[in-house]
C-alpha atoms as a PDB file:
ATOM      1  CA  MET A   1     -90.529  60.080 -87.702  1.00  0.00           C
ATOM      2  CA  ARG A   2     -90.371  57.448 -84.962  1.00  0.00           C
ATOM      3  CA  PHE A   3     -86.547  57.524 -84.960  1.00  0.00           C
ATOM      4  CA  LYS A   4     -86.594  61.323 -84.772  1.00  0.00           C
ATOM      5  CA  THR A   5     -88.875  61.223 -81.699  1.00  0.00           C
ATOM      6  CA  LEU A   6     -86.655  58.643 -79.969  1.00  0.00           C
ATOM      7  CA  ASN A   7     -83.554  60.686 -80.781  1.00  0.00           C
ATOM      8  CA  MET A   8     -85.202  63.821 -79.346  1.00  0.00           C
ATOM      9  CA  THR A   9     -86.220  61.922 -76.177  1.00  0.00           C
ATOM     10  CA  LEU A  10     -82.659  60.683 -75.634  1.00  0.00           C
ATOM     11  CA  THR A  11     -81.259  64.178 -76.177  1.00  0.00           C
ATOM     12  CA  ILE A  12     -83.670  65.667 -73.631  1.00  0.00           C
ATOM     13  CA  ALA A  13     -82.879  62.913 -71.100  1.00  0.00           C
ATOM     14  CA  ILE A  14     -79.135  63.519 -71.442  1.00  0.00           C
ATOM     15  CA  LEU A  15     -79.580  67.292 -71.095  1.00  0.00           C
ATOM     16  CA  LEU A  16     -81.732  66.862 -67.979  1.00  0.00           C
ATOM     17  CA  ALA A  17     -79.146  64.520 -66.492  1.00  0.00           C
ATOM     18  CA  ALA A  18     -76.410  67.074 -67.155  1.00  0.00           C
ATOM     19  CA  VAL A  19     -78.461  69.824 -65.483  1.00  0.00           C
ATOM     20  CA  VAL A  20     -78.999  67.658 -62.385  1.00  0.00           C
ATOM     21  CA  LEU A  21     -75.267  66.897 -62.211  1.00  0.00           C
ATOM     22  CA  ILE A  22     -74.394  70.598 -62.446  1.00  0.00           C
ATOM     23  CA  ILE A  23     -76.944  71.586 -59.800  1.00  0.00           C
ATOM     24  CA  ALA A  24     -75.793  68.825 -57.456  1.00  0.00           C
ATOM     25  CA  SER A  25     -72.140  69.795 -57.784  1.00  0.00           C
ATOM     26  CA  VAL A  26     -72.815  73.531 -57.345  1.00  0.00           C
ATOM     27  CA  LEU A  27     -75.222  73.268 -54.414  1.00  0.00           C
ATOM     28  CA  GLY A  28     -73.580  70.284 -52.727  1.00  0.00           C
ATOM     29  CA  TRP A  29     -76.894  68.734 -51.655  1.00  0.00           C
ATOM     30  CA  LYS A  30     -76.438  66.334 -48.755  1.00  0.00           C
ATOM     31  CA  PHE A  31     -78.250  63.612 -50.697  1.00  0.00           C
ATOM     32  CA  PHE A  32     -75.604  63.650 -53.409  1.00  0.00           C
ATOM     33  CA  LYS A  33     -72.630  63.678 -51.066  1.00  0.00           C
ATOM     34  CA  GLN A  34     -70.814  60.496 -50.171  1.00  0.00           C
ATOM     35  CA  ARG A  35     -72.741  58.634 -47.507  1.00  0.00           C
ATOM     36  CA  ARG A  36     -70.563  55.988 -45.911  1.00  0.00           C
ATOM     37  CA  LEU A  37     -72.649  54.745 -42.985  1.00  0.00           C
ATOM     38  CA  ASP A  38     -70.624  51.523 -42.629  1.00  0.00           C
ATOM     39  CA  ILE A  39     -71.024  50.638 -46.299  1.00  0.00           C
ATOM     40  CA  VAL A  40     -68.098  48.969 -48.101  1.00  0.00           C
ATOM     41  CA  GLN A  41     -66.446  51.649 -50.255  1.00  0.00           C
ATOM     42  CA  HIS A  42     -64.790  51.566 -53.673  1.00  0.00           C
ATOM     43  CA  PRO A  43     -62.025  50.398 -54.368  1.00  0.00           C
ATOM     44  CA  HIS A  44     -62.612  47.453 -51.970  1.00  0.00           C
ATOM     45  CA  PRO A  45     -62.010  44.193 -53.931  1.00  0.00           C
ATOM     46  CA  LEU A  46     -65.338  42.691 -52.794  1.00  0.00           C
ATOM     47  CA  LEU A  47     -67.164  45.321 -54.877  1.00  0.00           C
ATOM     48  CA  HIS A  48     -65.303  44.163 -58.006  1.00  0.00           C
ATOM     49  CA  THR A  49     -65.783  40.414 -57.493  1.00  0.00           C
ATOM     50  CA  ALA A  50     -68.742  38.318 -58.641  1.00  0.00           C
ATOM     51  CA  SER A  51     -70.686  36.988 -55.656  1.00  0.00           C
ATOM     52  CA  GLU A  52     -71.291  33.300 -54.998  1.00  0.00           C
ATOM     53  CA  PRO A  53     -74.782  31.786 -55.099  1.00  0.00           C
ATOM     54  CA  ALA A  54     -76.568  31.803 -51.742  1.00  0.00           C
ATOM     55  CA  ASP A  55     -78.467  28.911 -50.182  1.00  0.00           C
ATOM     56  CA  PRO A  56     -81.893  30.450 -49.488  1.00  0.00           C
ATOM     57  CA  ARG A  57     -82.555  28.226 -46.481  1.00  0.00           C
ATOM     58  CA  SER A  58     -79.183  28.616 -44.768  1.00  0.00           C
ATOM     59  CA  GLU A  59     -78.721  30.483 -41.514  1.00  0.00           C
ATOM     60  CA  GLU A  60     -75.950  32.537 -43.163  1.00  0.00           C
ATOM     61  CA  THR A  61     -78.332  33.777 -45.879  1.00  0.00           C
ATOM     62  CA  ARG A  62     -80.985  34.676 -43.289  1.00  0.00           C
ATOM     63  CA  HIS A  63     -78.348  36.596 -41.327  1.00  0.00           C
ATOM     64  CA  ILE A  64     -77.205  38.490 -44.447  1.00  0.00           C
ATOM     65  CA  ALA A  65     -80.827  39.281 -45.401  1.00  0.00           C
ATOM     66  CA  GLY A  66     -81.524  40.586 -41.899  1.00  0.00           C
ATOM     67  CA  GLN A  67     -78.394  42.748 -41.927  1.00  0.00           C
ATOM     68  CA  LEU A  68     -79.304  44.151 -45.367  1.00  0.00           C
ATOM     69  CA  ALA A  69     -82.872  44.989 -44.304  1.00  0.00           C
ATOM     70  CA  GLN A  70     -81.649  46.633 -41.096  1.00  0.00           C
ATOM     71  CA  LYS A  71     -79.055  48.722 -42.961  1.00  0.00           C
ATOM     72  CA  ALA A  72     -81.609  49.657 -45.662  1.00  0.00           C
ATOM     73  CA  HIS A  73     -84.043  50.817 -42.984  1.00  0.00           C
ATOM     74  CA  ARG A  74     -81.377  53.036 -41.367  1.00  0.00           C
ATOM     75  CA  LEU A  75     -80.466  54.533 -44.756  1.00  0.00           C
ATOM     76  CA  ASP A  76     -84.131  55.038 -45.618  1.00  0.00           C
ATOM     77  CA  HIS A  77     -84.765  56.725 -42.266  1.00  0.00           C
ATOM     78  CA  ARG A  78     -81.836  59.077 -42.838  1.00  0.00           C
ATOM     79  CA  PHE A  79     -82.376  59.943 -46.518  1.00  0.00           C
ATOM     80  CA  ASN A  80     -86.067  59.078 -47.134  1.00  0.00           C
ATOM     81  CA  VAL A  81     -85.586  58.175 -50.800  1.00  0.00           C
ATOM     82  CA  PHE A  82     -88.211  56.788 -53.197  1.00  0.00           C
ATOM     83  CA  SER A  83     -86.119  53.826 -54.347  1.00  0.00           C
ATOM     84  CA  LEU A  84     -83.488  52.107 -52.293  1.00  0.00           C
ATOM     85  CA  GLY A  85     -81.556  48.897 -52.639  1.00  0.00           C
ATOM     86  CA  LEU A  86     -78.539  47.220 -51.088  1.00  0.00           C
ATOM     87  CA  ALA A  87     -76.499  44.196 -52.116  1.00  0.00           C
ATOM     88  CA  ALA A  88     -74.602  41.805 -49.848  1.00  0.00           C
ATOM     89  CA  PRO A  89     -71.147  42.923 -51.121  1.00  0.00           C
ATOM     90  CA  GLN A  90     -71.916  46.453 -49.878  1.00  0.00           C
ATOM     91  CA  ILE A  91     -72.033  45.182 -46.299  1.00  0.00           C
ATOM     92  CA  GLY A  92     -69.110  42.764 -46.618  1.00  0.00           C
ATOM     93  CA  TYR A  93     -70.612  39.482 -47.858  1.00  0.00           C
ATOM     94  CA  GLY A  94     -69.799  37.844 -51.203  1.00  0.00           C
ATOM     95  CA  LYS A  95     -73.201  36.164 -51.593  1.00  0.00           C
ATOM     96  CA  ARG A  96     -75.984  36.767 -54.136  1.00  0.00           C
ATOM     97  CA  VAL A  97     -78.494  38.472 -51.820  1.00  0.00           C
ATOM     98  CA  ILE A  98     -80.131  41.883 -52.299  1.00  0.00           C
ATOM     99  CA  VAL A  99     -82.814  43.883 -50.548  1.00  0.00           C
ATOM    100  CA  LEU A 100     -85.118  46.416 -52.235  1.00  0.00           C
ATOM    101  CA  LYS A 101     -87.424  48.985 -50.675  1.00  0.00           C
ATOM    102  CA  ARG A 102     -91.127  48.411 -51.324  1.00  0.00           C
ATOM    103  CA  SER A 103     -92.291  51.212 -49.033  1.00  0.00           C
ATOM    104  CA  TYR A 104     -90.955  52.873 -45.897  1.00  0.00           C
ATOM    105  CA  GLY A 105     -90.055  50.094 -43.463  1.00  0.00           C
ATOM    106  CA  ASP A 106     -90.957  47.309 -45.930  1.00  0.00           C
ATOM    107  CA  TYR A 107     -88.084  45.624 -47.767  1.00  0.00           C
ATOM    108  CA  GLN A 108     -88.073  42.714 -50.192  1.00  0.00           C
ATOM    109  CA  VAL A 109     -85.264  40.142 -50.072  1.00  0.00           C
ATOM    110  CA  MET A 110     -84.165  38.540 -53.343  1.00  0.00           C
ATOM    111  CA  ILE A 111     -81.779  35.598 -53.310  1.00  0.00           C
ATOM    112  CA  ASN A 112     -79.814  34.646 -56.435  1.00  0.00           C
ATOM    113  CA  PRO A 113     -81.670  37.205 -58.605  1.00  0.00           C
ATOM    114  CA  GLU A 114     -81.097  37.188 -62.337  1.00  0.00           C
ATOM    115  CA  ILE A 115     -82.504  39.389 -65.059  1.00  0.00           C
ATOM    116  CA  ARG A 116     -84.369  37.311 -67.643  1.00  0.00           C
ATOM    117  CA  ASP A 117     -85.410  40.116 -70.004  1.00  0.00           C
ATOM    118  CA  ARG A 118     -85.034  43.887 -70.349  1.00  0.00           C
ATOM    119  CA  LYS A 119     -86.581  46.586 -72.561  1.00  0.00           C
ATOM    120  CA  TRP A 120     -86.589  50.335 -73.164  1.00  0.00           C
ATOM    121  CA  ILE A 121     -82.980  51.256 -72.437  1.00  0.00           C
ATOM    122  CA  LEU A 122     -82.521  54.966 -71.684  1.00  0.00           C
ATOM    123  CA  PRO A 123     -79.915  57.148 -69.969  1.00  0.00           C
ATOM    124  CA  SER A 124     -80.382  57.065 -66.204  1.00  0.00           C
ATOM    125  CA  ILE A 125     -78.858  58.984 -63.305  1.00  0.00           C
ATOM    126  CA  SER A 126     -77.622  56.799 -60.470  1.00  0.00           C
ATOM    127  CA  THR A 127     -75.895  57.280 -57.171  1.00  0.00           C
ATOM    128  CA  CYS A 128     -74.438  54.541 -55.009  1.00  0.00           C
ATOM    129  CA  PHE A 129     -73.735  54.244 -51.300  1.00  0.00           C
ATOM    130  CA  SER A 130     -70.338  52.689 -52.173  1.00  0.00           C
ATOM    131  CA  LEU A 131     -69.204  55.554 -54.452  1.00  0.00           C
ATOM    132  CA  LYS A 132     -69.051  59.327 -54.522  1.00  0.00           C
ATOM    133  CA  GLY A 133     -71.177  61.387 -56.886  1.00  0.00           C
ATOM    134  CA  LEU A 134     -73.765  60.838 -59.571  1.00  0.00           C
ATOM    135  CA  HIS A 135     -73.331  58.680 -62.645  1.00  0.00           C
ATOM    136  CA  ILE A 136     -75.143  58.630 -65.988  1.00  0.00           C
ATOM    137  CA  LEU A 137     -75.510  55.163 -67.470  1.00  0.00           C
ATOM    138  CA  PRO A 138     -77.826  53.168 -69.727  1.00  0.00           C
ATOM    139  CA  ARG A 139     -80.585  51.338 -67.856  1.00  0.00           C
ATOM    140  CA  ALA A 140     -83.614  49.366 -68.977  1.00  0.00           C
ATOM    141  CA  MET A 141     -86.893  50.882 -67.840  1.00  0.00           C
ATOM    142  CA  TRP A 142     -88.552  47.432 -67.883  1.00  0.00           C
ATOM    143  CA  VAL A 143     -86.967  44.245 -66.520  1.00  0.00           C
ATOM    144  CA  LYS A 144     -88.146  40.735 -65.753  1.00  0.00           C
ATOM    145  CA  VAL A 145     -86.300  39.155 -62.822  1.00  0.00           C
ATOM    146  CA  ARG A 146     -86.219  35.617 -61.438  1.00  0.00           C
ATOM    147  CA  TYR A 147     -85.184  35.065 -57.819  1.00  0.00           C
ATOM    148  CA  GLN A 148     -85.714  32.934 -54.720  1.00  0.00           C
ATOM    149  CA  ASP A 149     -87.205  33.959 -51.379  1.00  0.00           C
ATOM    150  CA  LEU A 150     -85.951  32.887 -47.934  1.00  0.00           C
ATOM    151  CA  ASP A 151     -88.040  29.688 -48.136  1.00  0.00           C
ATOM    152  CA  GLY A 152     -86.400  28.681 -51.427  1.00  0.00           C
ATOM    153  CA  ASN A 153     -89.514  29.409 -53.533  1.00  0.00           C
ATOM    154  CA  GLU A 154     -88.814  30.745 -57.022  1.00  0.00           C
ATOM    155  CA  HIS A 155     -90.513  33.918 -58.230  1.00  0.00           C
ATOM    156  CA  GLU A 156     -90.565  35.897 -61.459  1.00  0.00           C
ATOM    157  CA  GLU A 157     -91.559  39.577 -61.457  1.00  0.00           C
ATOM    158  CA  VAL A 158     -91.548  42.584 -63.749  1.00  0.00           C
ATOM    159  CA  ARG A 159     -90.143  45.916 -62.539  1.00  0.00           C
ATOM    160  CA  ARG A 160     -90.599  49.258 -64.295  1.00  0.00           C
ATOM    161  CA  GLY A 161     -89.093  52.740 -64.091  1.00  0.00           C
ATOM    162  CA  GLY A 162     -87.016  53.661 -61.053  1.00  0.00           C
ATOM    163  CA  ARG A 163     -87.619  50.297 -59.411  1.00  0.00           C
ATOM    164  CA  ALA A 164     -86.191  48.586 -62.507  1.00  0.00           C
ATOM    165  CA  THR A 165     -83.061  50.752 -62.445  1.00  0.00           C
ATOM    166  CA  ILE A 166     -82.444  50.075 -58.729  1.00  0.00           C
ATOM    167  CA  LEU A 167     -82.887  46.337 -59.283  1.00  0.00           C
ATOM    168  CA  GLN A 168     -80.341  46.376 -62.126  1.00  0.00           C
ATOM    169  CA  GLN A 169     -77.857  48.290 -59.997  1.00  0.00           C
ATOM    170  CA  GLU A 170     -78.093  45.813 -57.116  1.00  0.00           C
ATOM    171  CA  ILE A 171     -77.707  42.834 -59.456  1.00  0.00           C
ATOM    172  CA  ASP A 172     -74.686  44.598 -60.989  1.00  0.00           C
ATOM    173  CA  HIS A 173     -73.184  44.705 -57.473  1.00  0.00           C
ATOM    174  CA  LEU A 174     -73.588  40.923 -57.280  1.00  0.00           C
ATOM    175  CA  ASN A 175     -71.699  40.637 -60.579  1.00  0.00           C
ATOM    176  CA  GLY A 176     -68.840  42.874 -59.402  1.00  0.00           C
ATOM    177  CA  ILE A 177     -69.952  45.848 -61.533  1.00  0.00           C
ATOM    178  CA  LEU A 178     -70.297  49.411 -60.223  1.00  0.00           C
ATOM    179  CA  VAL A 179     -72.171  52.335 -61.796  1.00  0.00           C
ATOM    180  CA  SER A 180     -68.769  53.947 -62.433  1.00  0.00           C
ATOM    181  CA  ASP A 181     -67.852  51.012 -64.720  1.00  0.00           C
ATOM    182  CA  TYR A 182     -70.403  52.142 -67.328  1.00  0.00           C
ATOM    183  CA  TRP A 183     -69.740  54.670 -70.075  1.00  0.00           C
ATOM    184  CA  LEU A 184     -72.747  56.211 -71.769  1.00  0.00           C
END
């Protein structure tokens, strides 16, 4: 019975994702259109290259973090989305630095983030500022991440739901993986 319920849940999730894709393509919502805004675009090689570790205390890392937060704020102001993240490769830097939206105007910087554990993998709909369109891919709905802050302190946190999927996508960017590289 448990397997049947899980199978039904996956089927419903895939059908809902398909409906959203159809609606987005028919209506051409501005949110789903390509949004360049000075973001590095596919097929730029930087998006397909694993990023180098960043020194959390370096001036370069602070500069990258500031640029990411500034760009995230401009994107958030324009699109006002629930979850938002950006990775250094998307603004032209091959370093392991990401920024995630906590709330409007409040962004968290993660340096050298790595996923330590993940659970509850389900189909997810993602869009990316570096690509056109929507993509359906498997994402964990629960992740544990380890990262450093700008002072070099190590942290470990758990993310759930949409915030977990955004985190995974930004870490994928650091590993040279795009949402279009997944096949569900």
